[in-house]
């Protein structure tokens, strides 16, 4: 599974990506997890299964969903509490549930 986190600059999610990767290893889940800014999203659509949007840019959800749907990509806003606490396991489970 290829999981892409989208935030405003692509940098605020880097710590969360690391924690999600660690959780994936612990849970023995094969996943590629990366982050990008919304501006770089178009370059990632062909290789992504799930897009999780940072709560600070939740206003982009409709725009991102319209770009993702033709590719069969599931889209959701990251749970605010999980994001705020950088709970990589919870965010990974959110992605897997999609």
PDB file of N, CA and C in Angstrom:
ATOM      1  N   UNK A   1       0.837  -1.172   0.000  1.00  0.00           N
ATOM      2  CA  UNK A   1       0.000   0.000   0.000  1.00  0.00           C
ATOM      3  C   UNK A   1       0.886   1.241   0.000  1.00  0.00           C
ATOM      4  N   UNK A   2       0.532   2.201  -0.815  1.00  0.00           N
ATOM      5  CA  UNK A   2       1.258   3.470  -0.873  1.00  0.00           C
ATOM      6  C   UNK A   2       0.388   4.560  -0.267  1.00  0.00           C
ATOM      7  N   UNK A   3       0.883   5.135   0.826  1.00  0.00           N
ATOM      8  CA  UNK A   3       0.145   6.152   1.575  1.00  0.00           C
ATOM      9  C   UNK A   3       0.856   7.490   1.405  1.00  0.00           C
ATOM     10  N   UNK A   4       0.093   8.501   1.038  1.00  0.00           N
ATOM     11  CA  UNK A   4       0.647   9.841   0.837  1.00  0.00           C
ATOM     12  C   UNK A   4      -0.027  10.810   1.799  1.00  0.00           C
ATOM     13  N   UNK A   5       0.779  11.525   2.568  1.00  0.00           N
ATOM     14  CA  UNK A   5       0.265  12.566   3.457  1.00  0.00           C
ATOM     15  C   UNK A   5       0.458  13.905   2.763  1.00  0.00           C
ATOM     16  N   UNK A   6      -0.581  14.719   2.787  1.00  0.00           N
ATOM     17  CA  UNK A   6      -0.528  16.028   2.140  1.00  0.00           C
ATOM     18  C   UNK A   6      -0.709  17.113   3.185  1.00  0.00           C
ATOM     19  N   UNK A   7       0.211  18.071   3.174  1.00  0.00           N
ATOM     20  CA  UNK A   7       0.079  19.231   4.061  1.00  0.00           C
ATOM     21  C   UNK A   7       0.397  20.482   3.259  1.00  0.00           C
ATOM     22  N   UNK A   8       0.453  21.602   3.906  1.00  0.00           N
ATOM     23  CA  UNK A   8       0.628  22.858   3.176  1.00  0.00           C
ATOM     24  C   UNK A   8       2.005  22.978   2.535  1.00  0.00           C
ATOM     25  N   UNK A   9       3.051  22.598   3.237  1.00  0.00           N
ATOM     26  CA  UNK A   9       4.391  22.729   2.675  1.00  0.00           C
ATOM     27  C   UNK A   9       5.080  21.382   2.494  1.00  0.00           C
ATOM     28  N   UNK A  10       4.467  20.309   2.930  1.00  0.00           N
ATOM     29  CA  UNK A  10       5.075  19.000   2.793  1.00  0.00           C
ATOM     30  C   UNK A  10       6.095  18.685   3.873  1.00  0.00           C
ATOM     31  N   UNK A  11       6.290  19.602   4.805  1.00  0.00           N
ATOM     32  CA  UNK A  11       7.319  19.399   5.819  1.00  0.00           C
ATOM     33  C   UNK A  11       6.742  19.081   7.199  1.00  0.00           C
ATOM     34  N   UNK A  12       5.570  19.591   7.500  1.00  0.00           N
ATOM     35  CA  UNK A  12       5.034  19.407   8.852  1.00  0.00           C
ATOM     36  C   UNK A  12       4.664  17.962   9.145  1.00  0.00           C
ATOM     37  N   UNK A  13       4.541  17.157   8.120  1.00  0.00           N
ATOM     38  CA  UNK A  13       4.170  15.756   8.320  1.00  0.00           C
ATOM     39  C   UNK A  13       5.369  14.819   8.377  1.00  0.00           C
ATOM     40  N   UNK A  14       6.577  15.329   8.235  1.00  0.00           N
ATOM     41  CA  UNK A  14       7.739  14.441   8.179  1.00  0.00           C
ATOM     42  C   UNK A  14       7.913  13.607   9.444  1.00  0.00           C
ATOM     43  N   UNK A  15       7.660  14.190  10.610  1.00  0.00           N
ATOM     44  CA  UNK A  15       7.768  13.428  11.848  1.00  0.00           C
ATOM     45  C   UNK A  15       6.674  12.353  11.907  1.00  0.00           C
ATOM     46  N   UNK A  16       5.482  12.709  11.457  1.00  0.00           N
ATOM     47  CA  UNK A  16       4.384  11.747  11.448  1.00  0.00           C
ATOM     48  C   UNK A  16       4.682  10.596  10.484  1.00  0.00           C
ATOM     49  N   UNK A  17       5.268  10.886   9.342  1.00  0.00           N
ATOM     50  CA  UNK A  17       5.653   9.839   8.397  1.00  0.00           C
ATOM     51  C   UNK A  17       6.612   8.861   9.068  1.00  0.00           C
ATOM     52  N   UNK A  18       7.615   9.382   9.761  1.00  0.00           N
ATOM     53  CA  UNK A  18       8.570   8.515  10.456  1.00  0.00           C
ATOM     54  C   UNK A  18       7.883   7.623  11.475  1.00  0.00           C
ATOM     55  N   UNK A  19       6.957   8.189  12.220  1.00  0.00           N
ATOM     56  CA  UNK A  19       6.246   7.406  13.238  1.00  0.00           C
ATOM     57  C   UNK A  19       5.321   6.372  12.600  1.00  0.00           C
ATOM     58  N   UNK A  20       4.730   6.720  11.466  1.00  0.00           N
ATOM     59  CA  UNK A  20       3.885   5.756  10.754  1.00  0.00           C
ATOM     60  C   UNK A  20       4.717   4.601  10.214  1.00  0.00           C
ATOM     61  N   UNK A  21       5.902   4.906   9.700  1.00  0.00           N
ATOM     62  CA  UNK A  21       6.793   3.852   9.203  1.00  0.00           C
ATOM     63  C   UNK A  21       7.191   2.903  10.324  1.00  0.00           C
ATOM     64  N   UNK A  22       7.480   3.459  11.486  1.00  0.00           N
ATOM     65  CA  UNK A  22       7.836   2.633  12.633  1.00  0.00           C
ATOM     66  C   UNK A  22       6.661   1.741  13.034  1.00  0.00           C
ATOM     67  N   UNK A  23       5.460   2.309  13.054  1.00  0.00           N
ATOM     68  CA  UNK A  23       4.264   1.534  13.394  1.00  0.00           C
ATOM     69  C   UNK A  23       4.017   0.430  12.372  1.00  0.00           C
ATOM     70  N   UNK A  24       4.255   0.731  11.097  1.00  0.00           N
ATOM     71  CA  UNK A  24       4.071  -0.279  10.046  1.00  0.00           C
ATOM     72  C   UNK A  24       5.025  -1.451  10.253  1.00  0.00           C
ATOM     73  N   UNK A  25       6.261  -1.157  10.617  1.00  0.00           N
ATOM     74  CA  UNK A  25       7.229  -2.222  10.897  1.00  0.00           C
ATOM     75  C   UNK A  25       6.767  -3.069  12.072  1.00  0.00           C
ATOM     76  N   UNK A  26       6.331  -2.410  13.139  1.00  0.00           N
ATOM     77  CA  UNK A  26       5.889  -3.124  14.339  1.00  0.00           C
ATOM     78  C   UNK A  26       4.673  -4.011  14.055  1.00  0.00           C
ATOM     79  N   UNK A  27       3.774  -3.519  13.198  1.00  0.00           N
ATOM     80  CA  UNK A  27       2.556  -4.266  12.875  1.00  0.00           C
ATOM     81  C   UNK A  27       2.748  -5.209  11.688  1.00  0.00           C
ATOM     82  N   UNK A  28       3.962  -5.218  11.136  1.00  0.00           N
ATOM     83  CA  UNK A  28       4.302  -6.037   9.975  1.00  0.00           C
ATOM     84  C   UNK A  28       3.377  -5.738   8.785  1.00  0.00           C
ATOM     85  N   UNK A  29       3.165  -4.450   8.565  1.00  0.00           N
ATOM     86  CA  UNK A  29       2.355  -3.970   7.443  1.00  0.00           C
ATOM     87  C   UNK A  29       3.308  -3.447   6.377  1.00  0.00           C
ATOM     88  N   UNK A  30       3.153  -3.958   5.154  1.00  0.00           N
ATOM     89  CA  UNK A  30       3.992  -3.472   4.059  1.00  0.00           C
ATOM     90  C   UNK A  30       3.350  -2.204   3.494  1.00  0.00           C
ATOM     91  N   UNK A  31       4.006  -1.068   3.725  1.00  0.00           N
ATOM     92  CA  UNK A  31       3.475   0.212   3.254  1.00  0.00           C
ATOM     93  C   UNK A  31       4.613   1.160   2.928  1.00  0.00           C
ATOM     94  N   UNK A  32       4.413   1.909   1.869  1.00  0.00           N
ATOM     95  CA  UNK A  32       5.309   3.001   1.523  1.00  0.00           C
ATOM     96  C   UNK A  32       4.578   4.271   1.947  1.00  0.00           C
ATOM     97  N   UNK A  33       5.220   5.054   2.801  1.00  0.00           N
ATOM     98  CA  UNK A  33       4.570   6.236   3.362  1.00  0.00           C
ATOM     99  C   UNK A  33       5.435   7.456   3.067  1.00  0.00           C
ATOM    100  N   UNK A  34       4.853   8.434   2.398  1.00  0.00           N
ATOM    101  CA  UNK A  34       5.579   9.645   2.041  1.00  0.00           C
ATOM    102  C   UNK A  34       4.695  10.867   2.300  1.00  0.00           C
ATOM    103  N   UNK A  35       5.302  12.039   2.197  1.00  0.00           N
ATOM    104  CA  UNK A  35       4.562  13.294   2.372  1.00  0.00           C
ATOM    105  C   UNK A  35       4.899  14.242   1.236  1.00  0.00           C
ATOM    106  N   UNK A  36       3.955  15.092   0.925  1.00  0.00           N
ATOM    107  CA  UNK A  36       4.166  16.097  -0.107  1.00  0.00           C
ATOM    108  C   UNK A  36       3.311  17.314   0.190  1.00  0.00           C
ATOM    109  N   UNK A  37       3.675  18.407  -0.426  1.00  0.00           N
ATOM    110  CA  UNK A  37       2.828  19.598  -0.391  1.00  0.00           C
ATOM    111  C   UNK A  37       1.712  19.403  -1.411  1.00  0.00           C
ATOM    112  N   UNK A  38       0.628  20.113  -1.257  1.00  0.00           N
ATOM    113  CA  UNK A  38      -0.503  19.992  -2.185  1.00  0.00           C
ATOM    114  C   UNK A  38      -0.061  20.279  -3.611  1.00  0.00           C
ATOM    115  N   UNK A  39       0.888  21.176  -3.782  1.00  0.00           N
ATOM    116  CA  UNK A  39       1.365  21.528  -5.117  1.00  0.00           C
ATOM    117  C   UNK A  39       2.036  20.357  -5.830  1.00  0.00           C
ATOM    118  N   UNK A  40       2.582  19.411  -5.091  1.00  0.00           N
ATOM    119  CA  UNK A  40       3.255  18.265  -5.700  1.00  0.00           C
ATOM    120  C   UNK A  40       2.383  17.044  -5.859  1.00  0.00           C
ATOM    121  N   UNK A  41       1.118  17.161  -5.531  1.00  0.00           N
ATOM    122  CA  UNK A  41       0.208  16.024  -5.546  1.00  0.00           C
ATOM    123  C   UNK A  41       0.085  15.361  -6.919  1.00  0.00           C
ATOM    124  N   UNK A  42       0.013  16.139  -7.960  1.00  0.00           N
ATOM    125  CA  UNK A  42      -0.185  15.584  -9.306  1.00  0.00           C
ATOM    126  C   UNK A  42       0.903  14.574  -9.686  1.00  0.00           C
ATOM    127  N   UNK A  43       2.101  14.769  -9.176  1.00  0.00           N
ATOM    128  CA  UNK A  43       3.213  13.862  -9.496  1.00  0.00           C
ATOM    129  C   UNK A  43       3.102  12.524  -8.789  1.00  0.00           C
ATOM    130  N   UNK A  44       2.221  12.402  -7.805  1.00  0.00           N
ATOM    131  CA  UNK A  44       2.123  11.207  -6.971  1.00  0.00           C
ATOM    132  C   UNK A  44       0.890  10.354  -7.256  1.00  0.00           C
ATOM    133  N   UNK A  45      -0.026  10.822  -8.065  1.00  0.00           N
ATOM    134  CA  UNK A  45      -1.316  10.151  -8.233  1.00  0.00           C
ATOM    135  C   UNK A  45      -1.220   8.748  -8.840  1.00  0.00           C
ATOM    136  N   UNK A  46      -0.264   8.501  -9.692  1.00  0.00           N
ATOM    137  CA  UNK A  46      -0.173   7.195 -10.345  1.00  0.00           C
ATOM    138  C   UNK A  46       0.356   6.099  -9.430  1.00  0.00           C
ATOM    139  N   UNK A  47       0.952   6.469  -8.316  1.00  0.00           N
ATOM    140  CA  UNK A  47       1.564   5.467  -7.441  1.00  0.00           C
ATOM    141  C   UNK A  47       0.984   5.465  -6.026  1.00  0.00           C
ATOM    142  N   UNK A  48      -0.169   6.104  -5.831  1.00  0.00           N
ATOM    143  CA  UNK A  48      -0.734   6.256  -4.495  1.00  0.00           C
ATOM    144  C   UNK A  48      -2.042   5.484  -4.357  1.00  0.00           C
ATOM    145  N   UNK A  49      -2.232   4.856  -3.193  1.00  0.00           N
ATOM    146  CA  UNK A  49      -3.487   4.156  -2.895  1.00  0.00           C
ATOM    147  C   UNK A  49      -4.377   4.949  -1.951  1.00  0.00           C
ATOM    148  N   UNK A  50      -3.752   5.671  -1.010  1.00  0.00           N
ATOM    149  CA  UNK A  50      -4.485   6.426   0.003  1.00  0.00           C
ATOM    150  C   UNK A  50      -3.823   7.787   0.186  1.00  0.00           C
ATOM    151  N   UNK A  51      -4.645   8.826   0.252  1.00  0.00           N
ATOM    152  CA  UNK A  51      -4.157  10.168   0.556  1.00  0.00           C
ATOM    153  C   UNK A  51      -4.776  10.594   1.881  1.00  0.00           C
ATOM    154  N   UNK A  52      -3.921  10.987   2.811  1.00  0.00           N
ATOM    155  CA  UNK A  52      -4.370  11.537   4.083  1.00  0.00           C
ATOM    156  C   UNK A  52      -3.967  13.009   4.124  1.00  0.00           C
ATOM    157  N   UNK A  53      -4.923  13.848   4.426  1.00  0.00           N
ATOM    158  CA  UNK A  53      -4.716  15.295   4.400  1.00  0.00           C
ATOM    159  C   UNK A  53      -4.510  15.807   5.821  1.00  0.00           C
ATOM    160  N   UNK A  54      -3.488  16.628   6.007  1.00  0.00           N
ATOM    161  CA  UNK A  54      -3.232  17.235   7.308  1.00  0.00           C
ATOM    162  C   UNK A  54      -4.405  18.099   7.727  1.00  0.00           C
ATOM    163  N   UNK A  55      -4.773  18.058   9.006  1.00  0.00           N
ATOM    164  CA  UNK A  55      -5.936  18.832   9.474  1.00  0.00           C
ATOM    165  C   UNK A  55      -5.831  20.329   9.198  1.00  0.00           C
ATOM    166  N   UNK A  56      -4.605  20.847   9.133  1.00  0.00           N
ATOM    167  CA  UNK A  56      -4.433  22.282   8.896  1.00  0.00           C
ATOM    168  C   UNK A  56      -4.809  22.698   7.473  1.00  0.00           C
ATOM    169  N   UNK A  57      -4.934  21.715   6.572  1.00  0.00           N
ATOM    170  CA  UNK A  57      -5.339  22.021   5.189  1.00  0.00           C
ATOM    171  C   UNK A  57      -6.589  21.233   4.801  1.00  0.00           C
ATOM    172  N   UNK A  58      -7.434  20.965   5.775  1.00  0.00           N
ATOM    173  CA  UNK A  58      -8.658  20.207   5.515  1.00  0.00           C
ATOM    174  C   UNK A  58      -9.537  20.872   4.458  1.00  0.00           C
ATOM    175  N   UNK A  59      -9.385  22.174   4.276  1.00  0.00           N
ATOM    176  CA  UNK A  59     -10.155  22.894   3.265  1.00  0.00           C
ATOM    177  C   UNK A  59      -9.839  22.413   1.848  1.00  0.00           C
ATOM    178  N   UNK A  60      -8.737  21.673   1.677  1.00  0.00           N
ATOM    179  CA  UNK A  60      -8.355  21.141   0.364  1.00  0.00           C
ATOM    180  C   UNK A  60      -8.994  19.782   0.064  1.00  0.00           C
ATOM    181  N   UNK A  61      -9.760  19.247   0.995  1.00  0.00           N
ATOM    182  CA  UNK A  61     -10.282  17.889   0.833  1.00  0.00           C
ATOM    183  C   UNK A  61     -11.073  17.708  -0.464  1.00  0.00           C
ATOM    184  N   UNK A  62     -11.995  18.592  -0.771  1.00  0.00           N
ATOM    185  CA  UNK A  62     -12.800  18.440  -1.995  1.00  0.00           C
ATOM    186  C   UNK A  62     -11.935  18.523  -3.245  1.00  0.00           C
ATOM    187  N   UNK A  63     -11.011  19.454  -3.267  1.00  0.00           N
ATOM    188  CA  UNK A  63     -10.117  19.628  -4.419  1.00  0.00           C
ATOM    189  C   UNK A  63      -9.258  18.380  -4.626  1.00  0.00           C
ATOM    190  N   UNK A  64      -8.706  17.849  -3.543  1.00  0.00           N
ATOM    191  CA  UNK A  64      -7.850  16.667  -3.633  1.00  0.00           C
ATOM    192  C   UNK A  64      -8.672  15.443  -4.012  1.00  0.00           C
ATOM    193  N   UNK A  65      -9.859  15.327  -3.460  1.00  0.00           N
ATOM    194  CA  UNK A  65     -10.728  14.192  -3.784  1.00  0.00           C
ATOM    195  C   UNK A  65     -11.065  14.169  -5.269  1.00  0.00           C
ATOM    196  N   UNK A  66     -11.344  15.337  -5.850  1.00  0.00           N
ATOM    197  CA  UNK A  66     -11.654  15.405  -7.287  1.00  0.00           C
ATOM    198  C   UNK A  66     -10.475  14.951  -8.135  1.00  0.00           C
ATOM    199  N   UNK A  67      -9.257  15.237  -7.696  1.00  0.00           N
ATOM    200  CA  UNK A  67      -8.065  14.793  -8.426  1.00  0.00           C
ATOM    201  C   UNK A  67      -7.821  13.303  -8.230  1.00  0.00           C
ATOM    202  N   UNK A  68      -8.140  12.793  -7.047  1.00  0.00           N
ATOM    203  CA  UNK A  68      -7.816  11.411  -6.683  1.00  0.00           C
ATOM    204  C   UNK A  68      -8.831  10.389  -7.182  1.00  0.00           C
ATOM    205  N   UNK A  69     -10.103  10.742  -7.208  1.00  0.00           N
ATOM    206  CA  UNK A  69     -11.161   9.786  -7.566  1.00  0.00           C
ATOM    207  C   UNK A  69     -10.941   9.081  -8.900  1.00  0.00           C
ATOM    208  N   UNK A  70     -10.546   9.779  -9.970  1.00  0.00           N
ATOM    209  CA  UNK A  70     -10.340   9.082 -11.245  1.00  0.00           C
ATOM    210  C   UNK A  70      -9.237   8.012 -11.179  1.00  0.00           C
ATOM    211  N   UNK A  71      -8.386   8.095 -10.171  1.00  0.00           N
ATOM    212  CA  UNK A  71      -7.290   7.135 -10.000  1.00  0.00           C
ATOM    213  C   UNK A  71      -7.653   6.041  -8.998  1.00  0.00           C
ATOM    214  N   UNK A  72      -8.863   6.103  -8.446  1.00  0.00           N
ATOM    215  CA  UNK A  72      -9.297   5.117  -7.469  1.00  0.00           C
ATOM    216  C   UNK A  72      -8.631   5.258  -6.107  1.00  0.00           C
ATOM    217  N   UNK A  73      -8.189   6.458  -5.795  1.00  0.00           N
ATOM    218  CA  UNK A  73      -7.471   6.727  -4.538  1.00  0.00           C
ATOM    219  C   UNK A  73      -8.466   7.163  -3.472  1.00  0.00           C
ATOM    220  N   UNK A  74      -8.363   6.559  -2.299  1.00  0.00           N
ATOM    221  CA  UNK A  74      -9.182   6.940  -1.153  1.00  0.00           C
ATOM    222  C   UNK A  74      -8.552   8.165  -0.489  1.00  0.00           C
ATOM    223  N   UNK A  75      -9.405   9.080  -0.014  1.00  0.00           N
ATOM    224  CA  UNK A  75      -8.943  10.337   0.582  1.00  0.00           C
ATOM    225  C   UNK A  75      -9.650  10.559   1.921  1.00  0.00           C
ATOM    226  N   UNK A  76      -8.904  11.017   2.911  1.00  0.00           N
ATOM    227  CA  UNK A  76      -9.487  11.377   4.207  1.00  0.00           C
ATOM    228  C   UNK A  76      -8.612  12.424   4.874  1.00  0.00           C
ATOM    229  N   UNK A  77      -9.219  13.169   5.789  1.00  0.00           N
ATOM    230  CA  UNK A  77      -8.480  14.124   6.620  1.00  0.00           C
ATOM    231  C   UNK A  77      -7.968  13.359   7.833  1.00  0.00           C
ATOM    232  N   UNK A  78      -6.716  13.573   8.179  1.00  0.00           N
ATOM    233  CA  UNK A  78      -6.119  12.910   9.341  1.00  0.00           C
ATOM    234  C   UNK A  78      -6.840  13.358  10.604  1.00  0.00           C
ATOM    235  N   UNK A  79      -7.136  12.393  11.452  1.00  0.00           N
ATOM    236  CA  UNK A  79      -7.742  12.690  12.745  1.00  0.00           C
ATOM    237  C   UNK A  79      -6.904  13.756  13.461  1.00  0.00           C
ATOM    238  N   UNK A  80      -7.552  14.836  13.895  1.00  0.00           N
ATOM    239  CA  UNK A  80      -6.843  15.971  14.491  1.00  0.00           C
ATOM    240  C   UNK A  80      -6.065  15.598  15.742  1.00  0.00           C
ATOM    241  N   UNK A  81      -6.657  14.781  16.587  1.00  0.00           N
ATOM    242  CA  UNK A  81      -5.973  14.390  17.822  1.00  0.00           C
ATOM    243  C   UNK A  81      -4.767  13.518  17.508  1.00  0.00           C
ATOM    244  N   UNK A  82      -4.934  12.564  16.593  1.00  0.00           N
ATOM    245  CA  UNK A  82      -3.814  11.700  16.210  1.00  0.00           C
ATOM    246  C   UNK A  82      -2.696  12.524  15.584  1.00  0.00           C
ATOM    247  N   UNK A  83      -3.066  13.524  14.789  1.00  0.00           N
ATOM    248  CA  UNK A  83      -2.064  14.385  14.172  1.00  0.00           C
ATOM    249  C   UNK A  83      -1.342  15.210  15.234  1.00  0.00           C
ATOM    250  N   UNK A  84      -2.117  15.806  16.120  1.00  0.00           N
ATOM    251  CA  UNK A  84      -1.547  16.663  17.158  1.00  0.00           C
ATOM    252  C   UNK A  84      -0.609  15.927  18.098  1.00  0.00           C
ATOM    253  N   UNK A  85      -0.907  14.661  18.350  1.00  0.00           N
ATOM    254  CA  UNK A  85      -0.058  13.869  19.238  1.00  0.00           C
ATOM    255  C   UNK A  85       0.978  13.059  18.464  1.00  0.00           C
ATOM    256  N   UNK A  86       0.976  13.219  17.134  1.00  0.00           N
ATOM    257  CA  UNK A  86       1.898  12.485  16.255  1.00  0.00           C
ATOM    258  C   UNK A  86       1.804  10.968  16.505  1.00  0.00           C
ATOM    259  N   UNK A  87       0.565  10.476  16.591  1.00  0.00           N
ATOM    260  CA  UNK A  87       0.301   9.058  16.831  1.00  0.00           C
ATOM    261  C   UNK A  87       0.351   8.301  15.503  1.00  0.00           C
ATOM    262  N   UNK A  88       1.549   7.865  15.130  1.00  0.00           N
ATOM    263  CA  UNK A  88       1.756   7.189  13.861  1.00  0.00           C
ATOM    264  C   UNK A  88       0.927   5.932  13.708  1.00  0.00           C
ATOM    265  N   UNK A  89       0.760   5.200  14.781  1.00  0.00           N
ATOM    266  CA  UNK A  89      -0.022   3.957  14.721  1.00  0.00           C
ATOM    267  C   UNK A  89      -1.485   4.249  14.397  1.00  0.00           C
ATOM    268  N   UNK A  90      -2.055   5.240  15.063  1.00  0.00           N
ATOM    269  CA  UNK A  90      -3.461   5.579  14.833  1.00  0.00           C
ATOM    270  C   UNK A  90      -3.686   6.090  13.411  1.00  0.00           C
ATOM    271  N   UNK A  91      -2.771   6.903  12.909  1.00  0.00           N
ATOM    272  CA  UNK A  91      -2.915   7.431  11.552  1.00  0.00           C
ATOM    273  C   UNK A  91      -2.731   6.302  10.533  1.00  0.00           C
ATOM    274  N   UNK A  92      -1.808   5.405  10.787  1.00  0.00           N
ATOM    275  CA  UNK A  92      -1.631   4.241   9.908  1.00  0.00           C
ATOM    276  C   UNK A  92      -2.915   3.413   9.879  1.00  0.00           C
ATOM    277  N   UNK A  93      -3.492   3.184  11.039  1.00  0.00           N
ATOM    278  CA  UNK A  93      -4.745   2.411  11.103  1.00  0.00           C
ATOM    279  C   UNK A  93      -5.863   3.133  10.364  1.00  0.00           C
ATOM    280  N   UNK A  94      -5.889   4.446  10.406  1.00  0.00           N
ATOM    281  CA  UNK A  94      -6.884   5.209   9.649  1.00  0.00           C
ATOM    282  C   UNK A  94      -6.710   4.960   8.156  1.00  0.00           C
ATOM    283  N   UNK A  95      -5.468   4.973   7.692  1.00  0.00           N
ATOM    284  CA  UNK A  95      -5.201   4.731   6.274  1.00  0.00           C
ATOM    285  C   UNK A  95      -5.592   3.310   5.876  1.00  0.00           C
ATOM    286  N   UNK A  96      -5.272   2.352   6.705  1.00  0.00           N
ATOM    287  CA  UNK A  96      -5.587   0.960   6.397  1.00  0.00           C
ATOM    288  C   UNK A  96      -7.089   0.710   6.373  1.00  0.00           C
ATOM    289  N   UNK A  97      -7.829   1.436   7.198  1.00  0.00           N
ATOM    290  CA  UNK A  97      -9.275   1.271   7.248  1.00  0.00           C
ATOM    291  C   UNK A  97      -9.953   1.762   5.968  1.00  0.00           C
ATOM    292  N   UNK A  98      -9.292   2.645   5.249  1.00  0.00           N
ATOM    293  CA  UNK A  98      -9.880   3.155   3.992  1.00  0.00           C
ATOM    294  C   UNK A  98      -9.805   2.090   2.932  1.00  0.00           C
TER     295      UNK A  98
END
